[in-house]
Amino acid sequence: MANNFDLIVIGAGIAGLTAARYAVDLGKSVALFEAELMGGLVVNVGKLDGYPSTADVSGIELAMTLAEQCMTQGVQITEELVESVSIEGESKVVRTVSGEYRSPKLVVASGASLKKLGVPGEEALYGRGVSQCAFCDGALFMGQEVVMVGGGDAALQEALHLAMYCSKVTMVVRGNRLRARQSYVAQAADDPKFAFRWNSVVEAVEGADVVEGVTVRDTKKDTVESLACTGVFVFVGVAPNTGYLPDEVARDDSGAVTVDAALQSSVSGLYAAGAVRSGYPGQIANAVGEGTAAAIEALR
């Protein structure tokens, strides 16, 4: 049947693209589902650190290379949202608005979405000064003062990019230190454009039609102040995209799929790779390795 495949992959991030490419290289029929941009969150990264390459590679370059390889080698790519997955005997049934697709083996690689602050003003001013992509929007804030909310690798990498354009980058950090790799921390420490608000959270985004500032609470001193800025960049973690999966698929407290050493979930024949799985280390090299490993295990 036309909608029966040897392997179905959900998600065209780096893990999903790698799994699909590996499987089709083995001569298997493969369907890949992605409702948004090929590459997932990595397309927002201007330079991939920790990815083995002889030259600097951007996230979008890597994603487009993998996507092109998948298309030319015969992966059936469907640009639709997966509405649900069900388990019917040995079959994994994937449903979209256009129909049903079946396979005995499924690799879930739907990644994760950036969390938002959930504070007043954030949603209304999204795209009007509130952003979650410094590599996309940084140049729009040339010579201006911006706020970066977060203290991990993603936040600091994005902040370093913003410092190329902005006159000042203030990082609002919930804890008393940055949780990023030391090379990023050292760069920020040496850059006079950086300022830090430790033990602090943003409680509101201020502005009528565009961002004019943020309300910041110092959780240690229990004080509140308004901090003027024209841009707010939010990088406070991610939430796994697993809402479409059935209850049989075990998940951790965050919603990420739990897997065994072979990346198999609690459902036989259903594997998870990349940011959608519990315990994912978070590096691009991990996504490539897990996508490959999931396809190998699924097709044994």
C-alpha atoms as a PDB file:
ATOM      1  CA  MET A   1       0.000   0.000   0.000  1.00  0.00           C
ATOM      2  CA  ALA A   2       1.173   3.509  -0.805  1.00  0.00           C
ATOM      3  CA  ASN A   3       1.081   4.660   2.821  1.00  0.00           C
ATOM      4  CA  ASN A   4       3.015   1.698   4.242  1.00  0.00           C
ATOM      5  CA  PHE A   5       6.712   2.225   4.967  1.00  0.00           C
ATOM      6  CA  ASP A   6       9.652   0.328   6.411  1.00  0.00           C
ATOM      7  CA  LEU A   7      10.329   3.284   8.715  1.00  0.00           C
ATOM      8  CA  ILE A   8       8.520   6.466   9.650  1.00  0.00           C
ATOM      9  CA  VAL A   9      10.403   9.388  11.174  1.00  0.00           C
ATOM     10  CA  ILE A  10       8.585  12.233  12.901  1.00  0.00           C
ATOM     11  CA  GLY A  11      10.560  15.474  12.977  1.00  0.00           C
ATOM     12  CA  ALA A  12      13.086  16.924  10.551  1.00  0.00           C
ATOM     13  CA  GLY A  13      15.598  18.278  13.014  1.00  0.00           C
ATOM     14  CA  ILE A  14      19.154  17.006  12.785  1.00  0.00           C
ATOM     15  CA  ALA A  15      18.317  13.714  14.548  1.00  0.00           C
ATOM     16  CA  GLY A  16      15.295  13.038  12.339  1.00  0.00           C
ATOM     17  CA  LEU A  17      17.023  13.969   9.092  1.00  0.00           C
ATOM     18  CA  THR A  18      19.998  11.785   9.985  1.00  0.00           C
ATOM     19  CA  ALA A  19      17.765   8.808  10.829  1.00  0.00           C
ATOM     20  CA  ALA A  20      15.819   9.142   7.571  1.00  0.00           C
ATOM     21  CA  ARG A  21      18.960   9.497   5.461  1.00  0.00           C
ATOM     22  CA  TYR A  22      20.602   6.463   7.051  1.00  0.00           C
ATOM     23  CA  ALA A  23      17.503   4.302   6.542  1.00  0.00           C
ATOM     24  CA  VAL A  24      17.007   5.250   2.900  1.00  0.00           C
ATOM     25  CA  ASP A  25      20.703   4.578   2.267  1.00  0.00           C
ATOM     26  CA  LEU A  26      19.938   0.973   3.280  1.00  0.00           C
ATOM     27  CA  GLY A  27      17.279   0.770   0.611  1.00  0.00           C
ATOM     28  CA  LYS A  28      14.357   1.110   2.995  1.00  0.00           C
ATOM     29  CA  SER A  29      11.152   2.995   2.258  1.00  0.00           C
ATOM     30  CA  VAL A  30      11.057   6.013   4.566  1.00  0.00           C
ATOM     31  CA  ALA A  31       8.455   8.667   5.337  1.00  0.00           C
ATOM     32  CA  LEU A  32       9.489  11.840   7.154  1.00  0.00           C
ATOM     33  CA  PHE A  33       7.004  14.271   8.706  1.00  0.00           C
ATOM     34  CA  GLU A  34       7.720  17.919   9.549  1.00  0.00           C
ATOM     35  CA  ALA A  35       5.189  20.727   9.831  1.00  0.00           C
ATOM     36  CA  GLU A  36       7.692  23.533  10.344  1.00  0.00           C
ATOM     37  CA  LEU A  37      11.217  24.394   9.202  1.00  0.00           C
ATOM     38  CA  MET A  38      13.632  21.642   8.249  1.00  0.00           C
ATOM     39  CA  GLY A  39      16.352  21.516  10.886  1.00  0.00           C
ATOM     40  CA  GLY A  40      14.300  22.543  13.900  1.00  0.00           C
ATOM     41  CA  LEU A  41      15.798  24.932  16.430  1.00  0.00           C
ATOM     42  CA  VAL A  42      19.306  24.475  15.029  1.00  0.00           C
ATOM     43  CA  VAL A  43      18.493  26.689  12.025  1.00  0.00           C
ATOM     44  CA  ASN A  44      18.653  29.660  14.410  1.00  0.00           C
ATOM     45  CA  VAL A  45      22.315  28.976  15.204  1.00  0.00           C
ATOM     46  CA  GLY A  46      24.817  30.952  13.172  1.00  0.00           C
ATOM     47  CA  LYS A  47      27.828  28.802  14.054  1.00  0.00           C
ATOM     48  CA  LEU A  48      27.678  25.235  15.316  1.00  0.00           C
ATOM     49  CA  ASP A  49      30.057  24.584  18.188  1.00  0.00           C
ATOM     50  CA  GLY A  50      30.903  20.993  18.987  1.00  0.00           C
ATOM     51  CA  TYR A  51      30.145  19.748  15.480  1.00  0.00           C
ATOM     52  CA  PRO A  52      33.109  18.060  13.736  1.00  0.00           C
ATOM     53  CA  SER A  53      33.849  19.948  10.547  1.00  0.00           C
ATOM     54  CA  THR A  54      36.855  21.344   8.718  1.00  0.00           C
ATOM     55  CA  ALA A  55      35.130  24.726   8.415  1.00  0.00           C
ATOM     56  CA  ASP A  56      32.571  26.777  10.329  1.00  0.00           C
ATOM     57  CA  VAL A  57      29.074  25.475   9.656  1.00  0.00           C
ATOM     58  CA  SER A  58      25.799  27.236  10.422  1.00  0.00           C
ATOM     59  CA  GLY A  59      22.742  25.385  11.611  1.00  0.00           C
ATOM     60  CA  ILE A  60      20.763  26.132   8.481  1.00  0.00           C
ATOM     61  CA  GLU A  61      23.616  24.960   6.214  1.00  0.00           C
ATOM     62  CA  LEU A  62      23.785  21.604   7.974  1.00  0.00           C
ATOM     63  CA  ALA A  63      20.010  21.195   7.990  1.00  0.00           C
ATOM     64  CA  MET A  64      19.600  22.058   4.311  1.00  0.00           C
ATOM     65  CA  THR A  65      22.406  19.687   3.320  1.00  0.00           C
ATOM     66  CA  LEU A  66      20.779  16.810   5.178  1.00  0.00           C
ATOM     67  CA  ALA A  67      17.306  17.675   3.854  1.00  0.00           C
ATOM     68  CA  GLU A  68      18.561  17.795   0.269  1.00  0.00           C
ATOM     69  CA  GLN A  69      20.237  14.409   0.688  1.00  0.00           C
ATOM     70  CA  CYS A  70      16.998  12.938   2.026  1.00  0.00           C
ATOM     71  CA  MET A  71      14.956  14.311  -0.872  1.00  0.00           C
ATOM     72  CA  THR A  72      17.361  13.243  -3.615  1.00  0.00           C
ATOM     73  CA  GLN A  73      17.707   9.743  -2.151  1.00  0.00           C
ATOM     74  CA  GLY A  74      13.983   9.083  -2.013  1.00  0.00           C
ATOM     75  CA  VAL A  75      12.681   9.922   1.444  1.00  0.00           C
ATOM     76  CA  GLN A  76       8.982  10.832   1.222  1.00  0.00           C
ATOM     77  CA  ILE A  77       8.787  14.154   3.050  1.00  0.00           C
ATOM     78  CA  THR A  78       5.338  15.278   4.150  1.00  0.00           C
ATOM     79  CA  GLU A  79       5.119  18.859   5.389  1.00  0.00           C
ATOM     80  CA  GLU A  80       2.162  18.311   7.688  1.00  0.00           C
ATOM     81  CA  LEU A  81       1.571  18.304  11.421  1.00  0.00           C
ATOM     82  CA  VAL A  82       1.334  14.856  12.972  1.00  0.00           C
ATOM     83  CA  GLU A  83      -1.973  14.953  14.824  1.00  0.00           C
ATOM     84  CA  SER A  84      -1.664  11.597  16.566  1.00  0.00           C
ATOM     85  CA  VAL A  85       0.131   8.269  16.728  1.00  0.00           C
ATOM     86  CA  SER A  86      -1.556   5.024  17.696  1.00  0.00           C
ATOM     87  CA  ILE A  87      -0.312   1.484  18.229  1.00  0.00           C
ATOM     88  CA  GLU A  88      -2.263  -1.186  16.348  1.00  0.00           C
ATOM     89  CA  GLY A  89      -0.607  -4.546  16.874  1.00  0.00           C
ATOM     90  CA  GLU A  90       2.842  -4.328  15.341  1.00  0.00           C
ATOM     91  CA  SER A  91       1.935  -1.215  13.352  1.00  0.00           C
ATOM     92  CA  LYS A  92       2.598   2.373  14.345  1.00  0.00           C
ATOM     93  CA  VAL A  93      -0.126   4.485  12.756  1.00  0.00           C
ATOM     94  CA  VAL A  94       0.686   8.154  12.105  1.00  0.00           C
ATOM     95  CA  ARG A  95      -2.245  10.444  11.359  1.00  0.00           C
ATOM     96  CA  THR A  96      -2.142  13.840   9.685  1.00  0.00           C
ATOM     97  CA  VAL A  97      -4.812  15.979   8.079  1.00  0.00           C
ATOM     98  CA  SER A  98      -4.248  14.146   4.777  1.00  0.00           C
ATOM     99  CA  GLY A  99      -4.506  10.572   6.006  1.00  0.00           C
ATOM    100  CA  GLU A 100      -2.924   7.597   7.789  1.00  0.00           C
ATOM    101  CA  TYR A 101       0.588   6.226   7.394  1.00  0.00           C
ATOM    102  CA  ARG A 102       1.780   2.887   8.762  1.00  0.00           C
ATOM    103  CA  SER A 103       5.087   1.274   9.656  1.00  0.00           C
ATOM    104  CA  PRO A 104       6.279  -1.415  12.064  1.00  0.00           C
ATOM    105  CA  LYS A 105       9.047   0.950  13.166  1.00  0.00           C
ATOM    106  CA  LEU A 106       8.863   4.596  14.190  1.00  0.00           C
ATOM    107  CA  VAL A 107      11.582   7.071  15.161  1.00  0.00           C
ATOM    108  CA  VAL A 108      10.260  10.014  17.150  1.00  0.00           C
ATOM    109  CA  ALA A 109      12.590  12.979  16.635  1.00  0.00           C
ATOM    110  CA  SER A 110      10.165  15.875  16.963  1.00  0.00           C
ATOM    111  CA  GLY A 111      12.560  17.846  19.135  1.00  0.00           C
ATOM    112  CA  ALA A 112      11.566  20.540  21.575  1.00  0.00           C
ATOM    113  CA  SER A 113      10.143  24.051  21.539  1.00  0.00           C
ATOM    114  CA  LEU A 114      11.618  27.088  23.221  1.00  0.00           C
ATOM    115  CA  LYS A 115       9.820  27.937  26.428  1.00  0.00           C
ATOM    116  CA  LYS A 116       8.349  31.380  26.923  1.00  0.00           C
ATOM    117  CA  LEU A 117       8.284  33.421  30.100  1.00  0.00           C
ATOM    118  CA  GLY A 118       4.506  33.566  30.323  1.00  0.00           C
ATOM    119  CA  VAL A 119       4.561  37.111  31.700  1.00  0.00           C
ATOM    120  CA  PRO A 120       2.393  40.136  30.847  1.00  0.00           C
ATOM    121  CA  GLY A 121       3.406  41.867  27.617  1.00  0.00           C
ATOM    122  CA  GLU A 122       5.448  38.995  26.214  1.00  0.00           C
ATOM    123  CA  GLU A 123       2.879  37.594  23.799  1.00  0.00           C
ATOM    124  CA  ALA A 124       1.502  40.990  22.740  1.00  0.00           C
ATOM    125  CA  LEU A 125       4.984  42.266  21.872  1.00  0.00           C
ATOM    126  CA  TYR A 126       6.318  39.083  20.297  1.00  0.00           C
ATOM    127  CA  GLY A 127       7.895  40.166  17.013  1.00  0.00           C
ATOM    128  CA  ARG A 128       7.822  43.780  18.207  1.00  0.00           C
ATOM    129  CA  GLY A 129      10.952  43.571  20.284  1.00  0.00           C
ATOM    130  CA  VAL A 130      10.432  40.181  21.907  1.00  0.00           C
ATOM    131  CA  SER A 131      12.371  37.485  20.059  1.00  0.00           C
ATOM    132  CA  GLN A 132      13.806  33.999  20.393  1.00  0.00           C
ATOM    133  CA  CYS A 133      16.341  34.233  17.591  1.00  0.00           C
ATOM    134  CA  ALA A 134      19.297  36.565  17.938  1.00  0.00           C
ATOM    135  CA  PHE A 135      20.816  35.302  14.694  1.00  0.00           C
ATOM    136  CA  CYS A 136      17.596  36.271  12.896  1.00  0.00           C
ATOM    137  CA  ASP A 137      16.883  39.597  14.577  1.00  0.00           C
ATOM    138  CA  GLY A 138      20.117  40.839  16.114  1.00  0.00           C
ATOM    139  CA  ALA A 139      20.963  43.289  13.330  1.00  0.00           C
ATOM    140  CA  LEU A 140      17.617  45.029  13.885  1.00  0.00           C
ATOM    141  CA  PHE A 141      18.914  46.285  17.237  1.00  0.00           C
ATOM    142  CA  MET A 142      22.059  47.986  15.990  1.00  0.00           C
ATOM    143  CA  GLY A 143      23.369  50.393  18.650  1.00  0.00           C
ATOM    144  CA  GLN A 144      20.481  49.629  21.033  1.00  0.00           C
ATOM    145  CA  GLU A 145      20.226  48.144  24.528  1.00  0.00           C
ATOM    146  CA  VAL A 146      18.665  44.684  24.833  1.00  0.00           C
ATOM    147  CA  VAL A 147      17.928  42.128  27.535  1.00  0.00           C
ATOM    148  CA  MET A 148      18.716  38.415  27.328  1.00  0.00           C
ATOM    149  CA  VAL A 149      16.732  36.213  29.723  1.00  0.00           C
ATOM    150  CA  GLY A 150      18.534  32.964  30.569  1.00  0.00           C
ATOM    151  CA  GLY A 151      21.959  31.738  31.590  1.00  0.00           C
ATOM    152  CA  GLY A 152      22.637  28.525  29.702  1.00  0.00           C
ATOM    153  CA  ASP A 153      24.574  27.711  26.533  1.00  0.00           C
ATOM    154  CA  ALA A 154      21.846  28.854  24.144  1.00  0.00           C
ATOM    155  CA  ALA A 155      21.260  32.135  25.968  1.00  0.00           C
ATOM    156  CA  LEU A 156      24.931  33.044  26.120  1.00  0.00           C
ATOM    157  CA  GLN A 157      25.681  32.035  22.542  1.00  0.00           C
ATOM    158  CA  GLU A 158      22.796  34.199  21.362  1.00  0.00           C
ATOM    159  CA  ALA A 159      23.890  37.042  23.651  1.00  0.00           C
ATOM    160  CA  LEU A 160      27.408  36.964  22.219  1.00  0.00           C
ATOM    161  CA  HIS A 161      25.897  37.347  18.766  1.00  0.00           C
ATOM    162  CA  LEU A 162      23.788  40.285  19.941  1.00  0.00           C
ATOM    163  CA  ALA A 163      26.896  41.990  21.311  1.00  0.00           C
ATOM    164  CA  MET A 164      28.147  42.295  17.730  1.00  0.00           C
ATOM    165  CA  TYR A 165      25.334  44.789  17.056  1.00  0.00           C
ATOM    166  CA  CYS A 166      23.964  46.139  20.329  1.00  0.00           C
ATOM    167  CA  SER A 167      25.414  48.828  22.550  1.00  0.00           C
ATOM    168  CA  LYS A 168      24.578  46.850  25.693  1.00  0.00           C
ATOM    169  CA  VAL A 169      23.391  43.324  26.489  1.00  0.00           C
ATOM    170  CA  THR A 170      21.996  42.791  29.965  1.00  0.00           C
ATOM    171  CA  MET A 171      21.597  39.169  30.980  1.00  0.00           C
ATOM    172  CA  VAL A 172      18.874  38.437  33.502  1.00  0.00           C
ATOM    173  CA  VAL A 173      19.873  35.192  35.208  1.00  0.00           C
ATOM    174  CA  ARG A 174      17.721  33.278  37.680  1.00  0.00           C
ATOM    175  CA  GLY A 175      20.722  31.929  39.596  1.00  0.00           C
ATOM    176  CA  ASN A 176      24.011  33.413  40.751  1.00  0.00           C
ATOM    177  CA  ARG A 177      26.133  32.132  37.882  1.00  0.00           C
ATOM    178  CA  LEU A 178      26.007  31.226  34.204  1.00  0.00           C
ATOM    179  CA  ARG A 179      25.381  27.571  33.340  1.00  0.00           C
ATOM    180  CA  ALA A 180      27.136  27.794  29.981  1.00  0.00           C
ATOM    181  CA  ARG A 181      30.353  26.382  28.587  1.00  0.00           C
ATOM    182  CA  GLN A 182      33.471  28.105  29.849  1.00  0.00           C
ATOM    183  CA  SER A 183      34.515  29.461  26.448  1.00  0.00           C
ATOM    184  CA  TYR A 184      31.248  31.422  26.194  1.00  0.00           C
ATOM    185  CA  VAL A 185      31.525  32.663  29.779  1.00  0.00           C
ATOM    186  CA  ALA A 186      35.081  33.890  29.167  1.00  0.00           C
ATOM    187  CA  GLN A 187      34.047  35.808  26.036  1.00  0.00           C
ATOM    188  CA  ALA A 188      31.204  37.527  27.852  1.00  0.00           C
ATOM    189  CA  ALA A 189      33.409  38.391  30.818  1.00  0.00           C
ATOM    190  CA  ASP A 190      35.878  40.140  28.516  1.00  0.00           C
ATOM    191  CA  ASP A 191      33.207  42.117  26.646  1.00  0.00           C
ATOM    192  CA  PRO A 192      32.380  45.528  28.206  1.00  0.00           C
ATOM    193  CA  LYS A 193      28.967  45.489  26.519  1.00  0.00           C
ATOM    194  CA  PHE A 194      27.742  42.805  28.932  1.00  0.00           C
ATOM    195  CA  ALA A 195      25.925  43.479  32.202  1.00  0.00           C
ATOM    196  CA  PHE A 196      24.442  40.862  34.536  1.00  0.00           C
ATOM    197  CA  ARG A 197      21.451  40.799  36.859  1.00  0.00           C
ATOM    198  CA  TRP A 198      21.949  37.770  39.088  1.00  0.00           C
ATOM    199  CA  ASN A 199      19.222  36.027  41.102  1.00  0.00           C
ATOM    200  CA  SER A 200      16.678  37.854  38.985  1.00  0.00           C
ATOM    201  CA  VAL A 201      13.579  37.163  36.897  1.00  0.00           C
ATOM    202  CA  VAL A 202      11.595  39.166  34.364  1.00  0.00           C
ATOM    203  CA  GLU A 203       8.039  39.704  35.612  1.00  0.00           C
ATOM    204  CA  ALA A 204       6.691  41.749  32.703  1.00  0.00           C
ATOM    205  CA  VAL A 205       7.614  43.143  29.309  1.00  0.00           C
ATOM    206  CA  GLU A 206       6.852  46.844  29.095  1.00  0.00           C
ATOM    207  CA  GLY A 207       5.666  48.822  26.096  1.00  0.00           C
ATOM    208  CA  ALA A 208       2.570  49.766  24.141  1.00  0.00           C
ATOM    209  CA  ASP A 209       3.320  48.999  20.467  1.00  0.00           C
ATOM    210  CA  VAL A 210       6.973  47.995  20.852  1.00  0.00           C
ATOM    211  CA  VAL A 211       9.230  46.896  23.695  1.00  0.00           C
ATOM    212  CA  GLU A 212      10.280  49.752  25.927  1.00  0.00           C
ATOM    213  CA  GLY A 213      11.639  47.847  28.900  1.00  0.00           C
ATOM    214  CA  VAL A 214      11.207  44.962  31.335  1.00  0.00           C
ATOM    215  CA  THR A 215      10.179  44.659  34.955  1.00  0.00           C
ATOM    216  CA  VAL A 216      12.899  42.769  36.814  1.00  0.00           C
ATOM    217  CA  ARG A 217      12.614  41.265  40.281  1.00  0.00           C
ATOM    218  CA  ASP A 218      15.718  40.508  42.343  1.00  0.00           C
ATOM    219  CA  THR A 219      14.593  37.341  44.107  1.00  0.00           C
ATOM    220  CA  LYS A 220      17.312  37.559  46.734  1.00  0.00           C
ATOM    221  CA  LYS A 221      16.740  41.181  47.730  1.00  0.00           C
ATOM    222  CA  ASP A 222      13.018  41.050  46.887  1.00  0.00           C
ATOM    223  CA  THR A 223      13.232  44.332  44.997  1.00  0.00           C
ATOM    224  CA  VAL A 224      11.614  45.321  41.687  1.00  0.00           C
ATOM    225  CA  GLU A 225      12.862  47.769  39.077  1.00  0.00           C
ATOM    226  CA  SER A 226      12.155  48.773  35.494  1.00  0.00           C
ATOM    227  CA  LEU A 227      15.007  48.242  33.069  1.00  0.00           C
ATOM    228  CA  ALA A 228      14.861  50.194  29.806  1.00  0.00           C
ATOM    229  CA  CYS A 229      15.543  48.271  26.587  1.00  0.00           C
ATOM    230  CA  THR A 230      14.234  47.918  23.046  1.00  0.00           C
ATOM    231  CA  GLY A 231      14.625  44.159  22.719  1.00  0.00           C
ATOM    232  CA  VAL A 232      13.986  41.111  24.912  1.00  0.00           C
ATOM    233  CA  PHE A 233      15.430  37.729  23.943  1.00  0.00           C
ATOM    234  CA  VAL A 234      14.093  34.709  25.800  1.00  0.00           C
ATOM    235  CA  PHE A 235      16.145  31.509  26.204  1.00  0.00           C
ATOM    236  CA  VAL A 236      14.928  29.805  29.370  1.00  0.00           C
ATOM    237  CA  GLY A 237      14.910  26.186  28.281  1.00  0.00           C
ATOM    238  CA  VAL A 238      12.874  23.919  26.053  1.00  0.00           C
ATOM    239  CA  ALA A 239       9.809  21.683  26.295  1.00  0.00           C
ATOM    240  CA  PRO A 240       9.757  18.361  24.383  1.00  0.00           C
ATOM    241  CA  ASN A 241       7.205  18.046  21.565  1.00  0.00           C
ATOM    242  CA  THR A 242       5.431  14.846  22.591  1.00  0.00           C
ATOM    243  CA  GLY A 243       1.757  15.836  22.906  1.00  0.00           C
ATOM    244  CA  TYR A 244       0.730  13.759  19.880  1.00  0.00           C
ATOM    245  CA  LEU A 245       2.056  10.471  21.313  1.00  0.00           C
ATOM    246  CA  PRO A 246      -0.239   7.896  22.939  1.00  0.00           C
ATOM    247  CA  ASP A 247      -0.278   7.217  26.677  1.00  0.00           C
ATOM    248  CA  GLU A 248       1.543   3.905  26.157  1.00  0.00           C
ATOM    249  CA  VAL A 249       4.743   5.824  25.457  1.00  0.00           C
ATOM    250  CA  ALA A 250       6.370   6.484  28.830  1.00  0.00           C
ATOM    251  CA  ARG A 251       7.628   9.989  29.540  1.00  0.00           C
ATOM    252  CA  ASP A 252       9.485  11.739  32.343  1.00  0.00           C
ATOM    253  CA  ASP A 253       8.182  14.655  34.401  1.00  0.00           C
ATOM    254  CA  SER A 254       9.105  17.137  31.663  1.00  0.00           C
ATOM    255  CA  GLY A 255       7.224  15.162  29.008  1.00  0.00           C
ATOM    256  CA  ALA A 256      10.342  13.794  27.294  1.00  0.00           C
ATOM    257  CA  VAL A 257      10.237  10.190  26.056  1.00  0.00           C
ATOM    258  CA  THR A 258      12.123   7.721  28.254  1.00  0.00           C
ATOM    259  CA  VAL A 259      14.233   5.174  26.385  1.00  0.00           C
ATOM    260  CA  ASP A 260      16.558   2.247  27.026  1.00  0.00           C
ATOM    261  CA  ALA A 261      20.188   1.933  25.959  1.00  0.00           C
ATOM    262  CA  ALA A 262      19.064   1.172  22.401  1.00  0.00           C
ATOM    263  CA  LEU A 263      16.908   4.342  22.301  1.00  0.00           C
ATOM    264  CA  GLN A 264      13.733   2.217  22.306  1.00  0.00           C
ATOM    265  CA  SER A 265      10.763   3.568  24.228  1.00  0.00           C
ATOM    266  CA  SER A 266       8.327   1.621  26.399  1.00  0.00           C
ATOM    267  CA  VAL A 267       6.576   0.630  23.140  1.00  0.00           C
ATOM    268  CA  SER A 268       8.395  -2.018  21.112  1.00  0.00           C
ATOM    269  CA  GLY A 269       9.492  -0.670  17.740  1.00  0.00           C
ATOM    270  CA  LEU A 270       9.122   2.979  18.735  1.00  0.00           C
ATOM    271  CA  TYR A 271      12.401   4.837  19.212  1.00  0.00           C
ATOM    272  CA  ALA A 272      13.216   8.385  20.294  1.00  0.00           C
ATOM    273  CA  ALA A 273      16.253  10.487  19.394  1.00  0.00           C
ATOM    274  CA  GLY A 274      17.429  14.031  20.010  1.00  0.00           C
ATOM    275  CA  ALA A 275      15.828  16.702  22.171  1.00  0.00           C
ATOM    276  CA  VAL A 276      12.526  14.815  22.398  1.00  0.00           C
ATOM    277  CA  ARG A 277      14.063  12.079  24.570  1.00  0.00           C
ATOM    278  CA  SER A 278      14.777  12.125  28.280  1.00  0.00           C
ATOM    279  CA  GLY A 279      18.459  12.641  29.070  1.00  0.00           C
ATOM    280  CA  TYR A 280      19.467  14.099  25.718  1.00  0.00           C
ATOM    281  CA  PRO A 281      22.892  15.779  26.172  1.00  0.00           C
ATOM    282  CA  GLY A 282      22.057  18.678  23.863  1.00  0.00           C
ATOM    283  CA  GLN A 283      24.922  18.841  21.375  1.00  0.00           C
ATOM    284  CA  ILE A 284      24.621  18.657  17.583  1.00  0.00           C
ATOM    285  CA  ALA A 285      27.011  15.706  17.509  1.00  0.00           C
ATOM    286  CA  ASN A 286      24.635  13.903  19.888  1.00  0.00           C
ATOM    287  CA  ALA A 287      21.695  14.525  17.542  1.00  0.00           C
ATOM    288  CA  VAL A 288      23.609  13.087  14.590  1.00  0.00           C
ATOM    289  CA  GLY A 289      24.746  10.073  16.595  1.00  0.00           C
ATOM    290  CA  GLU A 290      21.328   9.368  18.075  1.00  0.00           C
ATOM    291  CA  GLY A 291      19.545   9.705  14.746  1.00  0.00           C
ATOM    292  CA  THR A 292      21.911   7.160  13.248  1.00  0.00           C
ATOM    293  CA  ALA A 293      21.703   4.838  16.253  1.00  0.00           C
ATOM    294  CA  ALA A 294      17.890   4.936  16.339  1.00  0.00           C
ATOM    295  CA  ALA A 295      17.679   4.008  12.653  1.00  0.00           C
ATOM    296  CA  ILE A 296      20.193   1.168  13.116  1.00  0.00           C
ATOM    297  CA  GLU A 297      18.285  -0.259  16.070  1.00  0.00           C
ATOM    298  CA  ALA A 298      14.894   0.136  14.378  1.00  0.00           C
ATOM    299  CA  LEU A 299      16.019  -1.672  11.233  1.00  0.00           C
ATOM    300  CA  ARG A 300      17.894  -4.577  12.802  1.00  0.00           C
END
